[in-house]
Amino acid sequence: MEKKQFFLKLNPPRPTFMMDMTETEREIMQKHVVYWTALLNDGIAIVFGPVMAPGGGYGAGVVSVNDEEHLKQLIADDPATGLNKYEYYPMRAIFKAP
């Protein structure tokens, strides 16, 4: 089965989130990084990380999955889901597979 790539945008609860997280929010985001690092190591996440945009930072990533349902499950399992809101879009990614 051919993999599908998606671009993900993780919208924080407020524009200043990266600079003024509470301790609880910081703990959640640390778990989020551990979660996505494991997906990166498994070859599911291609790249992920924070984007320092002028209007406020957000998270971004690209994943390679079997289908949209797999992507939805990854999002549902992310410890940061609920604190942040995901957007995702199909992507015709050109990348070098590991």
PDB file of N, CA and C in Angstrom:
ATOM      1  N   MET A   1       0.844  -1.184   0.000  1.00  0.00           N
ATOM      2  CA  MET A   1       0.000   0.000   0.000  1.00  0.00           C
ATOM      3  C   MET A   1       0.890   1.248   0.000  1.00  0.00           C
ATOM      4  N   GLU A   2       0.577   2.156  -0.876  1.00  0.00           N
ATOM      5  CA  GLU A   2       1.341   3.401  -0.959  1.00  0.00           C
ATOM      6  C   GLU A   2       0.981   4.320   0.206  1.00  0.00           C
ATOM      7  N   LYS A   3       1.994   4.860   0.829  1.00  0.00           N
ATOM      8  CA  LYS A   3       1.783   5.771   1.965  1.00  0.00           C
ATOM      9  C   LYS A   3       1.268   7.118   1.468  1.00  0.00           C
ATOM     10  N   LYS A   4       0.566   7.806   2.361  1.00  0.00           N
ATOM     11  CA  LYS A   4       0.063   9.156   2.087  1.00  0.00           C
ATOM     12  C   LYS A   4       0.726  10.111   3.061  1.00  0.00           C
ATOM     13  N   GLN A   5       1.052  11.280   2.565  1.00  0.00           N
ATOM     14  CA  GLN A   5       1.669  12.277   3.424  1.00  0.00           C
ATOM     15  C   GLN A   5       0.659  13.374   3.746  1.00  0.00           C
ATOM     16  N   PHE A   6       0.794  13.883   4.963  1.00  0.00           N
ATOM     17  CA  PHE A   6      -0.057  14.972   5.428  1.00  0.00           C
ATOM     18  C   PHE A   6       0.802  16.017   6.124  1.00  0.00           C
ATOM     19  N   PHE A   7       0.426  17.287   5.932  1.00  0.00           N
ATOM     20  CA  PHE A   7       1.002  18.396   6.682  1.00  0.00           C
ATOM     21  C   PHE A   7       0.094  18.630   7.882  1.00  0.00           C
ATOM     22  N   LEU A   8       0.685  18.758   9.062  1.00  0.00           N
ATOM     23  CA  LEU A   8      -0.081  19.027  10.283  1.00  0.00           C
ATOM     24  C   LEU A   8       0.314  20.379  10.844  1.00  0.00           C
ATOM     25  N   LYS A   9      -0.677  21.100  11.311  1.00  0.00           N
ATOM     26  CA  LYS A   9      -0.440  22.359  12.021  1.00  0.00           C
ATOM     27  C   LYS A   9      -1.094  22.235  13.389  1.00  0.00           C
ATOM     28  N   LEU A  10      -0.307  22.470  14.419  1.00  0.00           N
ATOM     29  CA  LEU A  10      -0.796  22.397  15.793  1.00  0.00           C
ATOM     30  C   LEU A  10      -0.976  23.818  16.305  1.00  0.00           C
ATOM     31  N   ASN A  11      -2.224  24.227  16.455  1.00  0.00           N
ATOM     32  CA  ASN A  11      -2.550  25.586  16.893  1.00  0.00           C
ATOM     33  C   ASN A  11      -2.624  25.644  18.410  1.00  0.00           C
ATOM     34  N   PRO A  12      -1.811  26.506  19.019  1.00  0.00           N
ATOM     35  CA  PRO A  12      -1.803  26.608  20.477  1.00  0.00           C
ATOM     36  C   PRO A  12      -3.049  27.328  20.996  1.00  0.00           C
ATOM     37  N   PRO A  13      -3.275  27.253  22.300  1.00  0.00           N
ATOM     38  CA  PRO A  13      -4.464  27.884  22.874  1.00  0.00           C
ATOM     39  C   PRO A  13      -4.415  29.418  22.871  1.00  0.00           C
ATOM     40  N   ARG A  14      -3.213  29.999  22.686  1.00  0.00           N
ATOM     41  CA  ARG A  14      -3.072  31.467  22.644  1.00  0.00           C
ATOM     42  C   ARG A  14      -1.777  31.801  21.901  1.00  0.00           C
ATOM     43  N   PRO A  15      -1.697  32.986  21.305  1.00  0.00           N
ATOM     44  CA  PRO A  15      -0.508  33.355  20.524  1.00  0.00           C
ATOM     45  C   PRO A  15       0.790  33.360  21.329  1.00  0.00           C
ATOM     46  N   THR A  16       0.717  33.621  22.610  1.00  0.00           N
ATOM     47  CA  THR A  16       1.913  33.722  23.455  1.00  0.00           C
ATOM     48  C   THR A  16       2.289  32.395  24.118  1.00  0.00           C
ATOM     49  N   PHE A  17       1.620  31.327  23.742  1.00  0.00           N
ATOM     50  CA  PHE A  17       1.761  30.027  24.405  1.00  0.00           C
ATOM     51  C   PHE A  17       3.209  29.570  24.574  1.00  0.00           C
ATOM     52  N   MET A  18       4.021  29.711  23.527  1.00  0.00           N
ATOM     53  CA  MET A  18       5.407  29.227  23.599  1.00  0.00           C
ATOM     54  C   MET A  18       6.226  29.959  24.657  1.00  0.00           C
ATOM     55  N   MET A  19       5.809  31.162  25.007  1.00  0.00           N
ATOM     56  CA  MET A  19       6.581  31.960  25.958  1.00  0.00           C
ATOM     57  C   MET A  19       5.992  31.987  27.360  1.00  0.00           C
ATOM     58  N   ASP A  20       4.726  31.599  27.498  1.00  0.00           N
ATOM     59  CA  ASP A  20       4.111  31.725  28.826  1.00  0.00           C
ATOM     60  C   ASP A  20       3.330  30.482  29.257  1.00  0.00           C
ATOM     61  N   MET A  21       3.817  29.305  28.858  1.00  0.00           N
ATOM     62  CA  MET A  21       3.163  28.058  29.274  1.00  0.00           C
ATOM     63  C   MET A  21       3.162  27.940  30.791  1.00  0.00           C
ATOM     64  N   THR A  22       2.082  27.405  31.314  1.00  0.00           N
ATOM     65  CA  THR A  22       2.058  27.063  32.734  1.00  0.00           C
ATOM     66  C   THR A  22       2.889  25.791  32.929  1.00  0.00           C
ATOM     67  N   GLU A  23       3.163  25.445  34.151  1.00  0.00           N
ATOM     68  CA  GLU A  23       3.930  24.226  34.427  1.00  0.00           C
ATOM     69  C   GLU A  23       3.186  22.993  33.911  1.00  0.00           C
ATOM     70  N   THR A  24       1.883  22.960  34.087  1.00  0.00           N
ATOM     71  CA  THR A  24       1.077  21.834  33.596  1.00  0.00           C
ATOM     72  C   THR A  24       1.137  21.757  32.073  1.00  0.00           C
ATOM     73  N   GLU A  25       1.012  22.905  31.405  1.00  0.00           N
ATOM     74  CA  GLU A  25       1.095  22.929  29.942  1.00  0.00           C
ATOM     75  C   GLU A  25       2.477  22.472  29.473  1.00  0.00           C
ATOM     76  N   ARG A  26       3.520  22.892  30.163  1.00  0.00           N
ATOM     77  CA  ARG A  26       4.890  22.503  29.809  1.00  0.00           C
ATOM     78  C   ARG A  26       5.056  20.980  29.920  1.00  0.00           C
ATOM     79  N   GLU A  27       4.511  20.386  30.963  1.00  0.00           N
ATOM     80  CA  GLU A  27       4.583  18.929  31.134  1.00  0.00           C
ATOM     81  C   GLU A  27       3.865  18.207  29.989  1.00  0.00           C
ATOM     82  N   ILE A  28       2.709  18.715  29.601  1.00  0.00           N
ATOM     83  CA  ILE A  28       1.961  18.127  28.482  1.00  0.00           C
ATOM     84  C   ILE A  28       2.777  18.231  27.202  1.00  0.00           C
ATOM     85  N   MET A  29       3.385  19.389  26.968  1.00  0.00           N
ATOM     86  CA  MET A  29       4.163  19.582  25.748  1.00  0.00           C
ATOM     87  C   MET A  29       5.425  18.722  25.741  1.00  0.00           C
ATOM     88  N   GLN A  30       6.001  18.475  26.898  1.00  0.00           N
ATOM     89  CA  GLN A  30       7.158  17.573  26.960  1.00  0.00           C
ATOM     90  C   GLN A  30       6.744  16.153  26.571  1.00  0.00           C
ATOM     91  N   LYS A  31       5.574  15.724  27.021  1.00  0.00           N
ATOM     92  CA  LYS A  31       5.052  14.407  26.630  1.00  0.00           C
ATOM     93  C   LYS A  31       4.756  14.373  25.132  1.00  0.00           C
ATOM     94  N   HIS A  32       4.265  15.487  24.606  1.00  0.00           N
ATOM     95  CA  HIS A  32       3.995  15.634  23.174  1.00  0.00           C
ATOM     96  C   HIS A  32       5.284  15.423  22.366  1.00  0.00           C
ATOM     97  N   VAL A  33       6.374  16.031  22.798  1.00  0.00           N
ATOM     98  CA  VAL A  33       7.659  15.889  22.098  1.00  0.00           C
ATOM     99  C   VAL A  33       8.147  14.440  22.159  1.00  0.00           C
ATOM    100  N   VAL A  34       8.023  13.805  23.295  1.00  0.00           N
ATOM    101  CA  VAL A  34       8.413  12.388  23.419  1.00  0.00           C
ATOM    102  C   VAL A  34       7.576  11.528  22.469  1.00  0.00           C
ATOM    103  N   TYR A  35       6.283  11.792  22.413  1.00  0.00           N
ATOM    104  CA  TYR A  35       5.364  11.048  21.543  1.00  0.00           C
ATOM    105  C   TYR A  35       5.783  11.173  20.078  1.00  0.00           C
ATOM    106  N   TRP A  36       6.010  12.415  19.623  1.00  0.00           N
ATOM    107  CA  TRP A  36       6.360  12.630  18.215  1.00  0.00           C
ATOM    108  C   TRP A  36       7.775  12.170  17.895  1.00  0.00           C
ATOM    109  N   THR A  37       8.676  12.207  18.856  1.00  0.00           N
ATOM    110  CA  THR A  37      10.026  11.685  18.634  1.00  0.00           C
ATOM    111  C   THR A  37       9.975  10.182  18.366  1.00  0.00           C
ATOM    112  N   ALA A  38       9.131   9.463  19.089  1.00  0.00           N
ATOM    113  CA  ALA A  38       8.965   8.025  18.843  1.00  0.00           C
ATOM    114  C   ALA A  38       8.420   7.783  17.437  1.00  0.00           C
ATOM    115  N   LEU A  39       7.470   8.615  16.995  1.00  0.00           N
ATOM    116  CA  LEU A  39       6.922   8.475  15.641  1.00  0.00           C
ATOM    117  C   LEU A  39       7.977   8.806  14.589  1.00  0.00           C
ATOM    118  N   LEU A  40       8.836   9.753  14.879  1.00  0.00           N
ATOM    119  CA  LEU A  40       9.949  10.084  13.985  1.00  0.00           C
ATOM    120  C   LEU A  40      10.898   8.887  13.881  1.00  0.00           C
ATOM    121  N   ASN A  41      11.226   8.304  15.013  1.00  0.00           N
ATOM    122  CA  ASN A  41      12.118   7.140  15.033  1.00  0.00           C
ATOM    123  C   ASN A  41      11.517   5.933  14.317  1.00  0.00           C
ATOM    124  N   ASP A  42      10.186   5.844  14.300  1.00  0.00           N
ATOM    125  CA  ASP A  42       9.491   4.750  13.618  1.00  0.00           C
ATOM    126  C   ASP A  42       9.276   5.025  12.129  1.00  0.00           C
ATOM    127  N   GLY A  43       9.672   6.205  11.651  1.00  0.00           N
ATOM    128  CA  GLY A  43       9.519   6.547  10.243  1.00  0.00           C
ATOM    129  C   GLY A  43       8.135   7.036   9.864  1.00  0.00           C
ATOM    130  N   ILE A  44       7.279   7.290  10.840  1.00  0.00           N
ATOM    131  CA  ILE A  44       5.934   7.803  10.564  1.00  0.00           C
ATOM    132  C   ILE A  44       5.976   9.321  10.421  1.00  0.00           C
ATOM    133  N   ALA A  45       6.587   9.980  11.377  1.00  0.00           N
ATOM    134  CA  ALA A  45       6.805  11.427  11.261  1.00  0.00           C
ATOM    135  C   ALA A  45       8.060  11.633  10.425  1.00  0.00           C
ATOM    136  N   ILE A  46       7.988  12.544   9.473  1.00  0.00           N
ATOM    137  CA  ILE A  46       9.134  12.864   8.627  1.00  0.00           C
ATOM    138  C   ILE A  46       9.901  14.028   9.236  1.00  0.00           C
ATOM    139  N   VAL A  47       9.171  14.983   9.757  1.00  0.00           N
ATOM    140  CA  VAL A  47       9.751  16.154  10.415  1.00  0.00           C
ATOM    141  C   VAL A  47       8.672  16.751  11.308  1.00  0.00           C
ATOM    142  N   PHE A  48       9.080  17.364  12.415  1.00  0.00           N
ATOM    143  CA  PHE A  48       8.133  18.087  13.261  1.00  0.00           C
ATOM    144  C   PHE A  48       8.899  19.100  14.097  1.00  0.00           C
ATOM    145  N   GLY A  49       8.183  20.113  14.559  1.00  0.00           N
ATOM    146  CA  GLY A  49       8.805  21.090  15.441  1.00  0.00           C
ATOM    147  C   GLY A  49       8.038  22.393  15.479  1.00  0.00           C
ATOM    148  N   PRO A  50       8.483  23.297  16.350  1.00  0.00           N
ATOM    149  CA  PRO A  50       7.817  24.589  16.475  1.00  0.00           C
ATOM    150  C   PRO A  50       8.200  25.529  15.334  1.00  0.00           C
ATOM    151  N   VAL A  51       7.254  26.363  14.948  1.00  0.00           N
ATOM    152  CA  VAL A  51       7.463  27.409  13.948  1.00  0.00           C
ATOM    153  C   VAL A  51       7.334  28.738  14.670  1.00  0.00           C
ATOM    154  N   MET A  52       8.350  29.565  14.559  1.00  0.00           N
ATOM    155  CA  MET A  52       8.348  30.865  15.224  1.00  0.00           C
ATOM    156  C   MET A  52       7.800  31.917  14.261  1.00  0.00           C
ATOM    157  N   ALA A  53       6.490  31.982  14.133  1.00  0.00           N
ATOM    158  CA  ALA A  53       5.845  32.924  13.218  1.00  0.00           C
ATOM    159  C   ALA A  53       5.648  34.274  13.905  1.00  0.00           C
ATOM    160  N   PRO A  54       5.679  35.371  13.141  1.00  0.00           N
ATOM    161  CA  PRO A  54       5.535  36.703  13.736  1.00  0.00           C
ATOM    162  C   PRO A  54       4.252  36.889  14.549  1.00  0.00           C
ATOM    163  N   GLY A  55       3.144  36.298  14.118  1.00  0.00           N
ATOM    164  CA  GLY A  55       1.878  36.465  14.817  1.00  0.00           C
ATOM    165  C   GLY A  55       1.673  35.509  15.973  1.00  0.00           C
ATOM    166  N   GLY A  56       2.635  34.670  16.225  1.00  0.00           N
ATOM    167  CA  GLY A  56       2.533  33.668  17.286  1.00  0.00           C
ATOM    168  C   GLY A  56       2.982  32.319  16.765  1.00  0.00           C
ATOM    169  N   GLY A  57       3.700  31.598  17.584  1.00  0.00           N
ATOM    170  CA  GLY A  57       4.236  30.310  17.173  1.00  0.00           C
ATOM    171  C   GLY A  57       3.172  29.233  17.103  1.00  0.00           C
ATOM    172  N   TYR A  58       3.502  28.174  16.388  1.00  0.00           N
ATOM    173  CA  TYR A  58       2.638  27.002  16.289  1.00  0.00           C
ATOM    174  C   TYR A  58       3.512  25.801  15.966  1.00  0.00           C
ATOM    175  N   GLY A  59       2.955  24.622  16.083  1.00  0.00           N
ATOM    176  CA  GLY A  59       3.681  23.415  15.740  1.00  0.00           C
ATOM    177  C   GLY A  59       3.372  22.987  14.320  1.00  0.00           C
ATOM    178  N   ALA A  60       4.338  22.335  13.684  1.00  0.00           N
ATOM    179  CA  ALA A  60       4.138  21.838  12.325  1.00  0.00           C
ATOM    180  C   ALA A  60       4.825  20.489  12.190  1.00  0.00           C
ATOM    181  N   GLY A  61       4.296  19.690  11.302  1.00  0.00           N
ATOM    182  CA  GLY A  61       4.909  18.404  11.038  1.00  0.00           C
ATOM    183  C   GLY A  61       4.421  17.831   9.727  1.00  0.00           C
ATOM    184  N   VAL A  62       5.147  16.848   9.252  1.00  0.00           N
ATOM    185  CA  VAL A  62       4.752  16.090   8.070  1.00  0.00           C
ATOM    186  C   VAL A  62       4.844  14.618   8.452  1.00  0.00           C
ATOM    187  N   VAL A  63       3.799  13.875   8.130  1.00  0.00           N
ATOM    188  CA  VAL A  63       3.762  12.448   8.437  1.00  0.00           C
ATOM    189  C   VAL A  63       3.517  11.644   7.171  1.00  0.00           C
ATOM    190  N   SER A  64       3.903  10.385   7.222  1.00  0.00           N
ATOM    191  CA  SER A  64       3.657   9.441   6.141  1.00  0.00           C
ATOM    192  C   SER A  64       2.906   8.256   6.748  1.00  0.00           C
ATOM    193  N   VAL A  65       1.642   8.108   6.360  1.00  0.00           N
ATOM    194  CA  VAL A  65       0.757   7.120   6.983  1.00  0.00           C
ATOM    195  C   VAL A  65       0.018   6.310   5.918  1.00  0.00           C
ATOM    196  N   ASN A  66      -0.621   5.241   6.355  1.00  0.00           N
ATOM    197  CA  ASN A  66      -1.379   4.400   5.431  1.00  0.00           C
ATOM    198  C   ASN A  66      -2.615   5.101   4.890  1.00  0.00           C
ATOM    199  N   ASP A  67      -3.301   5.840   5.764  1.00  0.00           N
ATOM    200  CA  ASP A  67      -4.535   6.503   5.359  1.00  0.00           C
ATOM    201  C   ASP A  67      -4.898   7.576   6.389  1.00  0.00           C
ATOM    202  N   GLU A  68      -5.952   8.313   6.088  1.00  0.00           N
ATOM    203  CA  GLU A  68      -6.383   9.402   6.966  1.00  0.00           C
ATOM    204  C   GLU A  68      -6.820   8.893   8.336  1.00  0.00           C
ATOM    205  N   GLU A  69      -7.384   7.707   8.392  1.00  0.00           N
ATOM    206  CA  GLU A  69      -7.797   7.143   9.686  1.00  0.00           C
ATOM    207  C   GLU A  69      -6.594   6.930  10.599  1.00  0.00           C
ATOM    208  N   HIS A  70      -5.492   6.478  10.029  1.00  0.00           N
ATOM    209  CA  HIS A  70      -4.259   6.315  10.804  1.00  0.00           C
ATOM    210  C   HIS A  70      -3.819   7.665  11.360  1.00  0.00           C
ATOM    211  N   LEU A  71      -3.866   8.697  10.525  1.00  0.00           N
ATOM    212  CA  LEU A  71      -3.513  10.049  10.971  1.00  0.00           C
ATOM    213  C   LEU A  71      -4.423  10.501  12.112  1.00  0.00           C
ATOM    214  N   LYS A  72      -5.712  10.287  11.972  1.00  0.00           N
ATOM    215  CA  LYS A  72      -6.653  10.691  13.025  1.00  0.00           C
ATOM    216  C   LYS A  72      -6.344   9.990  14.346  1.00  0.00           C
ATOM    217  N   GLN A  73      -5.925   8.736  14.275  1.00  0.00           N
ATOM    218  CA  GLN A  73      -5.573   8.006  15.494  1.00  0.00           C
ATOM    219  C   GLN A  73      -4.306   8.575  16.117  1.00  0.00           C
ATOM    220  N   LEU A  74      -3.324   8.936  15.295  1.00  0.00           N
ATOM    221  CA  LEU A  74      -2.103   9.565  15.812  1.00  0.00           C
ATOM    222  C   LEU A  74      -2.441  10.853  16.555  1.00  0.00           C
ATOM    223  N   ILE A  75      -3.319  11.649  15.977  1.00  0.00           N
ATOM    224  CA  ILE A  75      -3.731  12.910  16.603  1.00  0.00           C
ATOM    225  C   ILE A  75      -4.469  12.628  17.910  1.00  0.00           C
ATOM    226  N   ALA A  76      -5.379  11.666  17.894  1.00  0.00           N
ATOM    227  CA  ALA A  76      -6.151  11.334  19.100  1.00  0.00           C
ATOM    228  C   ALA A  76      -5.248  10.861  20.233  1.00  0.00           C
ATOM    229  N   ASP A  77      -4.160  10.179  19.893  1.00  0.00           N
ATOM    230  CA  ASP A  77      -3.251   9.635  20.905  1.00  0.00           C
ATOM    231  C   ASP A  77      -2.221  10.644  21.409  1.00  0.00           C
ATOM    232  N   ASP A  78      -2.120  11.787  20.765  1.00  0.00           N
ATOM    233  CA  ASP A  78      -1.132  12.803  21.152  1.00  0.00           C
ATOM    234  C   ASP A  78      -1.518  13.407  22.502  1.00  0.00           C
ATOM    235  N   PRO A  79      -0.604  13.416  23.471  1.00  0.00           N
ATOM    236  CA  PRO A  79      -0.911  14.009  24.780  1.00  0.00           C
ATOM    237  C   PRO A  79      -1.315  15.485  24.711  1.00  0.00           C
ATOM    238  N   ALA A  80      -0.922  16.190  23.647  1.00  0.00           N
ATOM    239  CA  ALA A  80      -1.235  17.621  23.532  1.00  0.00           C
ATOM    240  C   ALA A  80      -2.591  17.883  22.888  1.00  0.00           C
ATOM    241  N   THR A  81      -3.259  16.836  22.387  1.00  0.00           N
ATOM    242  CA  THR A  81      -4.592  17.023  21.820  1.00  0.00           C
ATOM    243  C   THR A  81      -5.539  17.407  22.952  1.00  0.00           C
ATOM    244  N   GLY A  82      -6.321  18.422  22.727  1.00  0.00           N
ATOM    245  CA  GLY A  82      -7.196  18.952  23.776  1.00  0.00           C
ATOM    246  C   GLY A  82      -6.666  20.278  24.271  1.00  0.00           C
ATOM    247  N   LEU A  83      -5.387  20.336  24.553  1.00  0.00           N
ATOM    248  CA  LEU A  83      -4.743  21.599  24.907  1.00  0.00           C
ATOM    249  C   LEU A  83      -4.590  22.445  23.647  1.00  0.00           C
ATOM    250  N   ASN A  84      -4.192  21.806  22.561  1.00  0.00           N
ATOM    251  CA  ASN A  84      -3.993  22.453  21.264  1.00  0.00           C
ATOM    252  C   ASN A  84      -4.988  21.873  20.269  1.00  0.00           C
ATOM    253  N   LYS A  85      -5.145  22.533  19.148  1.00  0.00           N
ATOM    254  CA  LYS A  85      -6.056  22.062  18.097  1.00  0.00           C
ATOM    255  C   LYS A  85      -5.265  21.785  16.823  1.00  0.00           C
ATOM    256  N   TYR A  86      -5.506  20.622  16.233  1.00  0.00           N
ATOM    257  CA  TYR A  86      -4.833  20.239  14.996  1.00  0.00           C
ATOM    258  C   TYR A  86      -5.624  20.657  13.770  1.00  0.00           C
ATOM    259  N   GLU A  87      -4.884  21.036  12.733  1.00  0.00           N
ATOM    260  CA  GLU A  87      -5.377  21.121  11.361  1.00  0.00           C
ATOM    261  C   GLU A  87      -4.477  20.177  10.572  1.00  0.00           C
ATOM    262  N   TYR A  88      -5.005  19.561   9.529  1.00  0.00           N
ATOM    263  CA  TYR A  88      -4.136  18.753   8.673  1.00  0.00           C
ATOM    264  C   TYR A  88      -4.650  18.786   7.245  1.00  0.00           C
ATOM    265  N   TYR A  89      -3.700  18.612   6.328  1.00  0.00           N
ATOM    266  CA  TYR A  89      -3.996  18.704   4.904  1.00  0.00           C
ATOM    267  C   TYR A  89      -3.182  17.656   4.151  1.00  0.00           C
ATOM    268  N   PRO A  90      -3.782  17.034   3.129  1.00  0.00           N
ATOM    269  CA  PRO A  90      -3.006  16.113   2.301  1.00  0.00           C
ATOM    270  C   PRO A  90      -1.846  16.870   1.655  1.00  0.00           C
ATOM    271  N   MET A  91      -0.747  16.168   1.472  1.00  0.00           N
ATOM    272  CA  MET A  91       0.446  16.797   0.909  1.00  0.00           C
ATOM    273  C   MET A  91       1.082  15.836  -0.082  1.00  0.00           C
ATOM    274  N   ARG A  92       1.492  16.351  -1.195  1.00  0.00           N
ATOM    275  CA  ARG A  92       2.247  15.546  -2.160  1.00  0.00           C
ATOM    276  C   ARG A  92       3.724  15.787  -1.881  1.00  0.00           C
ATOM    277  N   ALA A  93       4.202  15.131  -0.867  1.00  0.00           N
ATOM    278  CA  ALA A  93       5.562  15.362  -0.381  1.00  0.00           C
ATOM    279  C   ALA A  93       6.586  14.638  -1.245  1.00  0.00           C
ATOM    280  N   ILE A  94       7.691  15.317  -1.461  1.00  0.00           N
ATOM    281  CA  ILE A  94       8.854  14.713  -2.095  1.00  0.00           C
ATOM    282  C   ILE A  94       9.930  14.687  -1.027  1.00  0.00           C
ATOM    283  N   PHE A  95      10.335  13.497  -0.650  1.00  0.00           N
ATOM    284  CA  PHE A  95      11.314  13.377   0.423  1.00  0.00           C
ATOM    285  C   PHE A  95      12.125  12.110   0.225  1.00  0.00           C
ATOM    286  N   LYS A  96      13.249  12.081   0.864  1.00  0.00           N
ATOM    287  CA  LYS A  96      14.107  10.906   0.809  1.00  0.00           C
ATOM    288  C   LYS A  96      13.732   9.994   1.965  1.00  0.00           C
ATOM    289  N   ALA A  97      13.270   8.814   1.638  1.00  0.00           N
ATOM    290  CA  ALA A  97      12.885   7.852   2.676  1.00  0.00           C
ATOM    291  C   ALA A  97      14.133   7.385   3.417  1.00  0.00           C
ATOM    292  N   PRO A  98      13.990   7.115   4.715  1.00  0.00           N
ATOM    293  CA  PRO A  98      15.156   6.672   5.502  1.00  0.00           C
ATOM    294  C   PRO A  98      15.690   5.327   5.048  1.00  0.00           C
TER     295      PRO A  98
END
